[in-house]
Amino acid sequence: MALTLFGRKDSINVQKVMWLLRELGADYTLVEKGGEFGGLDDDEFKDINVFGRVPVLQDGDFKLAESNAILRYLVQSQPGGDAFYPADLETRARIDSWMDFGSTTLYPEFMKTFSQVVRTQPRDRKPGLIAMSARRFQMETLKIGNALDGKDWLFGENFTLADIATGVYMYRFYSMPVIKRVAQGRVERWVTRLQERPAYDEIVATRYAHMFAKGS
């Protein structure tokens, strides 16, 4: 059955799912919802997703929300998915831990920075908050650098969901103006490898100038 993804292309959590779909070579239809497209409060959408936010994946009659859950479903339902989520239970558990780290640790600090730099007019920005959230984000990415330790990916030679769930934030973090970044060689080389992947370049490393607050 054809896959349908509900969400907008500039949502970072939707990009996470689109990135994997592109890596898998899966055919899907994108129905843009949220942001300027609206529709999240429509009764029809609420019937699809009780959480009322994107992304949402529909596969036939099956509907699923929450980006990490969608990633896991796709790699277990689409051809070639086992390369991104090996069947070994211990490996899967470790990948899951990185996925949770991305959502519960990286995402909040990233969004604090992003909201201040992109969604706030320059005169209203809080430099102290920007500096603190950027510093905290980079303190957490040090853990990624430590895990890489000479490896190409978080699981050695294998690119997995762990790299997707943590790497999706990196293009915007490293391209945002204003913020101060410290050198993290391992992380920066990993980000370069991410950007060399056609799926990342096409889906994640895209312009977001339209998202800046008016007057920025």
C-alpha atoms as a PDB file:
ATOM      1  CA  MET A   1       0.000   0.000   0.000  1.00  0.00           C
ATOM      2  CA  ALA A   2       1.102   3.569  -0.651  1.00  0.00           C
ATOM      3  CA  LEU A   3       2.486   5.543   2.264  1.00  0.00           C
ATOM      4  CA  THR A   4       1.168   8.984   3.152  1.00  0.00           C
ATOM      5  CA  LEU A   5       3.088  11.360   5.395  1.00  0.00           C
ATOM      6  CA  PHE A   6       1.306  14.295   6.990  1.00  0.00           C
ATOM      7  CA  GLY A   7       3.511  17.246   7.890  1.00  0.00           C
ATOM      8  CA  ARG A   8       5.440  20.137   6.421  1.00  0.00           C
ATOM      9  CA  LYS A   9       8.851  19.997   4.792  1.00  0.00           C
ATOM     10  CA  ASP A  10      10.433  22.552   7.126  1.00  0.00           C
ATOM     11  CA  SER A  11       9.468  20.734  10.341  1.00  0.00           C
ATOM     12  CA  ILE A  12      12.577  19.110  11.742  1.00  0.00           C
ATOM     13  CA  ASN A  13      10.633  16.092  13.032  1.00  0.00           C
ATOM     14  CA  VAL A  14       8.991  15.645   9.644  1.00  0.00           C
ATOM     15  CA  GLN A  15      12.407  15.955   8.000  1.00  0.00           C
ATOM     16  CA  LYS A  16      13.594  13.110  10.201  1.00  0.00           C
ATOM     17  CA  VAL A  17      10.979  10.812   8.688  1.00  0.00           C
ATOM     18  CA  MET A  18      11.435  12.114   5.126  1.00  0.00           C
ATOM     19  CA  TRP A  19      15.181  11.536   5.444  1.00  0.00           C
ATOM     20  CA  LEU A  20      14.659   7.875   6.300  1.00  0.00           C
ATOM     21  CA  LEU A  21      12.062   7.443   3.554  1.00  0.00           C
ATOM     22  CA  ARG A  22      14.597   8.823   1.076  1.00  0.00           C
ATOM     23  CA  GLU A  23      17.325   6.504   2.415  1.00  0.00           C
ATOM     24  CA  LEU A  24      14.953   3.554   1.997  1.00  0.00           C
ATOM     25  CA  GLY A  25      13.923   4.626  -1.493  1.00  0.00           C
ATOM     26  CA  ALA A  26      10.287   4.340  -0.397  1.00  0.00           C
ATOM     27  CA  ASP A  27       7.484   5.927  -2.379  1.00  0.00           C
ATOM     28  CA  TYR A  28       5.186   8.177  -0.381  1.00  0.00           C
ATOM     29  CA  THR A  29       2.848  11.124  -0.703  1.00  0.00           C
ATOM     30  CA  LEU A  30       3.382  14.202   1.466  1.00  0.00           C
ATOM     31  CA  VAL A  31       0.234  15.993   2.632  1.00  0.00           C
ATOM     32  CA  GLU A  32       1.373  19.304   4.072  1.00  0.00           C
ATOM     33  CA  LYS A  33      -0.149  20.071   7.459  1.00  0.00           C
ATOM     34  CA  GLY A  34       0.804  22.406  10.257  1.00  0.00           C
ATOM     35  CA  GLY A  35       2.447  25.819  10.274  1.00  0.00           C
ATOM     36  CA  GLU A  36       1.308  27.976   7.359  1.00  0.00           C
ATOM     37  CA  PHE A  37      -0.724  25.037   6.012  1.00  0.00           C
ATOM     38  CA  GLY A  38      -2.837  24.669   9.160  1.00  0.00           C
ATOM     39  CA  GLY A  39      -5.250  21.771   9.373  1.00  0.00           C
ATOM     40  CA  LEU A  40      -4.117  20.353  12.708  1.00  0.00           C
ATOM     41  CA  ASP A  41      -7.403  21.274  14.375  1.00  0.00           C
ATOM     42  CA  ASP A  42      -9.556  19.824  11.624  1.00  0.00           C
ATOM     43  CA  ASP A  43     -11.794  16.965  12.729  1.00  0.00           C
ATOM     44  CA  GLU A  44     -10.491  14.866   9.846  1.00  0.00           C
ATOM     45  CA  PHE A  45      -6.898  15.248  11.032  1.00  0.00           C
ATOM     46  CA  LYS A  46      -7.831  14.597  14.660  1.00  0.00           C
ATOM     47  CA  ASP A  47      -9.352  11.325  13.507  1.00  0.00           C
ATOM     48  CA  ILE A  48      -5.962  10.431  12.063  1.00  0.00           C
ATOM     49  CA  ASN A  49      -3.907  11.590  15.044  1.00  0.00           C
ATOM     50  CA  VAL A  50      -5.233  12.164  18.544  1.00  0.00           C
ATOM     51  CA  PHE A  51      -2.026  14.049  19.452  1.00  0.00           C
ATOM     52  CA  GLY A  52      -2.878  16.789  16.958  1.00  0.00           C
ATOM     53  CA  ARG A  53       0.626  17.371  15.650  1.00  0.00           C
ATOM     54  CA  VAL A  54       2.918  16.228  12.860  1.00  0.00           C
ATOM     55  CA  PRO A  55       4.420  14.007  11.595  1.00  0.00           C
ATOM     56  CA  VAL A  56       1.824  11.321  11.056  1.00  0.00           C
ATOM     57  CA  LEU A  57       2.323   8.315   8.800  1.00  0.00           C
ATOM     58  CA  GLN A  58      -0.534   6.451   7.166  1.00  0.00           C
ATOM     59  CA  ASP A  59       0.098   3.009   5.715  1.00  0.00           C
ATOM     60  CA  GLY A  60      -3.193   1.709   4.336  1.00  0.00           C
ATOM     61  CA  ASP A  61      -5.607   1.791   7.266  1.00  0.00           C
ATOM     62  CA  PHE A  62      -2.798   2.015   9.819  1.00  0.00           C
ATOM     63  CA  LYS A  63      -1.978   5.465  11.204  1.00  0.00           C
ATOM     64  CA  LEU A  64       0.970   6.323  13.422  1.00  0.00           C
ATOM     65  CA  ALA A  65       2.201   9.501  15.100  1.00  0.00           C
ATOM     66  CA  GLU A  66       5.491  10.494  16.800  1.00  0.00           C
ATOM     67  CA  SER A  67       8.621  10.633  14.668  1.00  0.00           C
ATOM     68  CA  ASN A  68      10.718   7.998  16.460  1.00  0.00           C
ATOM     69  CA  ALA A  69       7.846   5.509  16.447  1.00  0.00           C
ATOM     70  CA  ILE A  70       7.417   6.165  12.720  1.00  0.00           C
ATOM     71  CA  LEU A  71      11.133   5.578  12.103  1.00  0.00           C
ATOM     72  CA  ARG A  72      10.995   2.223  13.879  1.00  0.00           C
ATOM     73  CA  TYR A  73       7.856   1.200  12.018  1.00  0.00           C
ATOM     74  CA  LEU A  74       9.354   2.057   8.640  1.00  0.00           C
ATOM     75  CA  VAL A  75      12.578   0.111   9.128  1.00  0.00           C
ATOM     76  CA  GLN A  76      10.570  -2.933  10.212  1.00  0.00           C
ATOM     77  CA  SER A  77       8.019  -2.695   7.398  1.00  0.00           C
ATOM     78  CA  GLN A  78      10.003  -1.475   4.375  1.00  0.00           C
ATOM     79  CA  PRO A  79      12.540  -3.425   2.293  1.00  0.00           C
ATOM     80  CA  GLY A  80      16.107  -2.731   3.368  1.00  0.00           C
ATOM     81  CA  GLY A  81      15.096  -1.371   6.740  1.00  0.00           C
ATOM     82  CA  ASP A  82      17.153  -3.877   8.700  1.00  0.00           C
ATOM     83  CA  ALA A  83      20.317  -2.071   7.601  1.00  0.00           C
ATOM     84  CA  PHE A  84      19.224   0.907   9.718  1.00  0.00           C
ATOM     85  CA  TYR A  85      17.848  -1.122  12.651  1.00  0.00           C
ATOM     86  CA  PRO A  86      19.539  -4.541  12.909  1.00  0.00           C
ATOM     87  CA  ALA A  87      17.512  -7.393  14.376  1.00  0.00           C
ATOM     88  CA  ASP A  88      19.919  -8.018  17.265  1.00  0.00           C
ATOM     89  CA  LEU A  89      18.048  -6.964  20.413  1.00  0.00           C
ATOM     90  CA  GLU A  90      21.039  -5.410  22.153  1.00  0.00           C
ATOM     91  CA  THR A  91      21.906  -3.360  19.082  1.00  0.00           C
ATOM     92  CA  ARG A  92      18.316  -2.203  18.776  1.00  0.00           C
ATOM     93  CA  ALA A  93      18.213  -1.234  22.434  1.00  0.00           C
ATOM     94  CA  ARG A  94      21.363   0.855  22.039  1.00  0.00           C
ATOM     95  CA  ILE A  95      19.959   2.524  18.915  1.00  0.00           C
ATOM     96  CA  ASP A  96      16.752   3.236  20.822  1.00  0.00           C
ATOM     97  CA  SER A  97      18.757   4.912  23.575  1.00  0.00           C
ATOM     98  CA  TRP A  98      20.359   7.273  21.043  1.00  0.00           C
ATOM     99  CA  MET A  99      16.954   8.017  19.544  1.00  0.00           C
ATOM    100  CA  ASP A 100      15.619   8.928  22.983  1.00  0.00           C
ATOM    101  CA  PHE A 101      18.723  11.031  23.595  1.00  0.00           C
ATOM    102  CA  GLY A 102      18.014  12.949  20.407  1.00  0.00           C
ATOM    103  CA  SER A 103      14.411  13.661  21.329  1.00  0.00           C
ATOM    104  CA  THR A 104      14.670  14.256  25.064  1.00  0.00           C
ATOM    105  CA  THR A 105      18.117  15.859  25.380  1.00  0.00           C
ATOM    106  CA  LEU A 106      19.230  17.411  22.081  1.00  0.00           C
ATOM    107  CA  TYR A 107      15.850  18.618  20.863  1.00  0.00           C
ATOM    108  CA  PRO A 108      14.900  20.818  23.850  1.00  0.00           C
ATOM    109  CA  GLU A 109      18.206  22.721  23.847  1.00  0.00           C
ATOM    110  CA  PHE A 110      18.195  22.968  20.065  1.00  0.00           C
ATOM    111  CA  MET A 111      14.692  24.430  20.097  1.00  0.00           C
ATOM    112  CA  LYS A 112      15.592  27.001  22.747  1.00  0.00           C
ATOM    113  CA  THR A 113      18.387  28.229  20.498  1.00  0.00           C
ATOM    114  CA  PHE A 114      16.346  27.988  17.301  1.00  0.00           C
ATOM    115  CA  SER A 115      13.380  29.829  18.794  1.00  0.00           C
ATOM    116  CA  GLN A 116      15.563  32.690  19.977  1.00  0.00           C
ATOM    117  CA  VAL A 117      17.667  33.045  16.829  1.00  0.00           C
ATOM    118  CA  VAL A 118      15.097  32.262  14.126  1.00  0.00           C
ATOM    119  CA  ARG A 119      11.647  32.882  15.538  1.00  0.00           C
ATOM    120  CA  THR A 120      12.489  36.008  17.534  1.00  0.00           C
ATOM    121  CA  GLN A 121      13.231  39.440  16.116  1.00  0.00           C
ATOM    122  CA  PRO A 122      16.792  40.619  16.828  1.00  0.00           C
ATOM    123  CA  ARG A 123      15.659  43.357  19.207  1.00  0.00           C
ATOM    124  CA  ASP A 124      13.788  40.808  21.323  1.00  0.00           C
ATOM    125  CA  ARG A 125      16.470  38.131  21.478  1.00  0.00           C
ATOM    126  CA  LYS A 126      17.992  37.195  24.804  1.00  0.00           C
ATOM    127  CA  PRO A 127      21.751  36.773  24.222  1.00  0.00           C
ATOM    128  CA  GLY A 128      22.234  35.058  27.559  1.00  0.00           C
ATOM    129  CA  LEU A 129      19.602  32.434  26.794  1.00  0.00           C
ATOM    130  CA  ILE A 130      21.056  31.862  23.322  1.00  0.00           C
ATOM    131  CA  ALA A 131      24.549  31.424  24.754  1.00  0.00           C
ATOM    132  CA  MET A 132      23.357  29.079  27.504  1.00  0.00           C
ATOM    133  CA  SER A 133      21.233  26.855  25.281  1.00  0.00           C
ATOM    134  CA  ALA A 134      23.921  26.674  22.572  1.00  0.00           C
ATOM    135  CA  ARG A 135      26.507  25.773  25.191  1.00  0.00           C
ATOM    136  CA  ARG A 136      24.275  23.070  26.669  1.00  0.00           C
ATOM    137  CA  PHE A 137      23.548  21.656  23.223  1.00  0.00           C
ATOM    138  CA  GLN A 138      27.268  21.388  22.510  1.00  0.00           C
ATOM    139  CA  MET A 139      27.943  19.823  25.907  1.00  0.00           C
ATOM    140  CA  GLU A 140      25.563  17.069  24.827  1.00  0.00           C
ATOM    141  CA  THR A 141      27.064  16.716  21.348  1.00  0.00           C
ATOM    142  CA  LEU A 142      30.389  16.031  23.066  1.00  0.00           C
ATOM    143  CA  LYS A 143      28.802  12.690  23.988  1.00  0.00           C
ATOM    144  CA  ILE A 144      28.280  12.019  20.300  1.00  0.00           C
ATOM    145  CA  GLY A 145      31.935  12.844  19.672  1.00  0.00           C
ATOM    146  CA  ASN A 146      33.027  10.496  22.446  1.00  0.00           C
ATOM    147  CA  ALA A 147      30.876   7.709  21.011  1.00  0.00           C
ATOM    148  CA  LEU A 148      32.284   8.213  17.516  1.00  0.00           C
ATOM    149  CA  ASP A 149      35.915   7.933  18.695  1.00  0.00           C
ATOM    150  CA  GLY A 150      37.403   7.258  15.259  1.00  0.00           C
ATOM    151  CA  LYS A 151      34.279   5.650  13.799  1.00  0.00           C
ATOM    152  CA  ASP A 152      32.344   7.003  10.840  1.00  0.00           C
ATOM    153  CA  TRP A 153      28.968   6.502  12.498  1.00  0.00           C
ATOM    154  CA  LEU A 154      27.628   5.965  15.990  1.00  0.00           C
ATOM    155  CA  PHE A 155      27.669   2.213  15.300  1.00  0.00           C
ATOM    156  CA  GLY A 156      30.990   2.017  13.506  1.00  0.00           C
ATOM    157  CA  GLU A 157      30.730   1.351   9.782  1.00  0.00           C
ATOM    158  CA  ASN A 158      26.926   1.173   9.878  1.00  0.00           C
ATOM    159  CA  PHE A 159      24.708   4.204   9.400  1.00  0.00           C
ATOM    160  CA  THR A 160      21.598   3.622  11.534  1.00  0.00           C
ATOM    161  CA  LEU A 161      18.568   5.289  13.049  1.00  0.00           C
ATOM    162  CA  ALA A 162      20.890   6.527  15.790  1.00  0.00           C
ATOM    163  CA  ASP A 163      22.584   8.833  13.283  1.00  0.00           C
ATOM    164  CA  ILE A 164      19.273  10.009  11.858  1.00  0.00           C
ATOM    165  CA  ALA A 165      17.652  10.754  15.203  1.00  0.00           C
ATOM    166  CA  THR A 166      20.638  12.782  16.426  1.00  0.00           C
ATOM    167  CA  GLY A 167      21.966  14.139  13.134  1.00  0.00           C
ATOM    168  CA  VAL A 168      18.761  15.819  12.007  1.00  0.00           C
ATOM    169  CA  TYR A 169      19.477  18.865  14.198  1.00  0.00           C
ATOM    170  CA  MET A 170      23.028  19.458  13.035  1.00  0.00           C
ATOM    171  CA  TYR A 171      22.562  21.319   9.764  1.00  0.00           C
ATOM    172  CA  ARG A 172      20.496  24.043  11.358  1.00  0.00           C
ATOM    173  CA  PHE A 173      22.666  24.262  14.443  1.00  0.00           C
ATOM    174  CA  TYR A 174      25.835  24.707  12.412  1.00  0.00           C
ATOM    175  CA  SER A 175      24.232  27.133   9.937  1.00  0.00           C
ATOM    176  CA  MET A 176      22.367  29.434  12.319  1.00  0.00           C
ATOM    177  CA  PRO A 177      23.792  32.939  12.672  1.00  0.00           C
ATOM    178  CA  VAL A 178      24.529  34.685  15.979  1.00  0.00           C
ATOM    179  CA  ILE A 179      25.380  31.641  18.094  1.00  0.00           C
ATOM    180  CA  LYS A 180      28.888  30.863  19.266  1.00  0.00           C
ATOM    181  CA  ARG A 181      30.145  27.378  18.473  1.00  0.00           C
ATOM    182  CA  VAL A 182      33.193  25.626  19.875  1.00  0.00           C
ATOM    183  CA  ALA A 183      35.364  23.297  17.821  1.00  0.00           C
ATOM    184  CA  GLN A 184      34.357  19.644  18.091  1.00  0.00           C
ATOM    185  CA  GLY A 185      36.402  17.831  15.484  1.00  0.00           C
ATOM    186  CA  ARG A 186      34.778  14.402  15.698  1.00  0.00           C
ATOM    187  CA  VAL A 187      31.286  15.839  15.596  1.00  0.00           C
ATOM    188  CA  GLU A 188      32.108  18.209  12.744  1.00  0.00           C
ATOM    189  CA  ARG A 189      33.588  15.397  10.645  1.00  0.00           C
ATOM    190  CA  TRP A 190      30.464  13.319  11.333  1.00  0.00           C
ATOM    191  CA  VAL A 191      28.278  16.242  10.235  1.00  0.00           C
ATOM    192  CA  THR A 192      30.319  16.501   7.041  1.00  0.00           C
ATOM    193  CA  ARG A 193      29.673  12.806   6.369  1.00  0.00           C
ATOM    194  CA  LEU A 194      25.965  13.359   6.986  1.00  0.00           C
ATOM    195  CA  GLN A 195      25.924  16.187   4.478  1.00  0.00           C
ATOM    196  CA  GLU A 196      27.584  13.956   1.896  1.00  0.00           C
ATOM    197  CA  ARG A 197      24.577  11.654   1.972  1.00  0.00           C
ATOM    198  CA  PRO A 198      22.174  12.614  -0.853  1.00  0.00           C
ATOM    199  CA  ALA A 199      19.137  12.114   1.394  1.00  0.00           C
ATOM    200  CA  TYR A 200      20.485  14.506   4.030  1.00  0.00           C
ATOM    201  CA  ASP A 201      21.440  17.076   1.434  1.00  0.00           C
ATOM    202  CA  GLU A 202      18.025  16.889  -0.212  1.00  0.00           C
ATOM    203  CA  ILE A 203      15.793  16.747   2.858  1.00  0.00           C
ATOM    204  CA  VAL A 204      17.607  18.244   5.852  1.00  0.00           C
ATOM    205  CA  ALA A 205      20.220  20.678   4.510  1.00  0.00           C
ATOM    206  CA  THR A 206      17.595  22.998   3.057  1.00  0.00           C
ATOM    207  CA  ARG A 207      17.040  26.733   3.346  1.00  0.00           C
ATOM    208  CA  TYR A 208      14.945  27.931   6.249  1.00  0.00           C
ATOM    209  CA  ALA A 209      15.266  31.688   5.748  1.00  0.00           C
ATOM    210  CA  HIS A 210      11.484  31.948   5.444  1.00  0.00           C
ATOM    211  CA  MET A 211      11.172  30.858   9.066  1.00  0.00           C
ATOM    212  CA  PHE A 212      12.984  33.900  10.477  1.00  0.00           C
ATOM    213  CA  ALA A 213      10.790  36.378  12.327  1.00  0.00           C
ATOM    214  CA  LYS A 214       9.834  39.389  10.263  1.00  0.00           C
ATOM    215  CA  GLY A 215      12.292  42.160  10.819  1.00  0.00           C
ATOM    216  CA  SER A 216      15.209  39.717  11.316  1.00  0.00           C
END
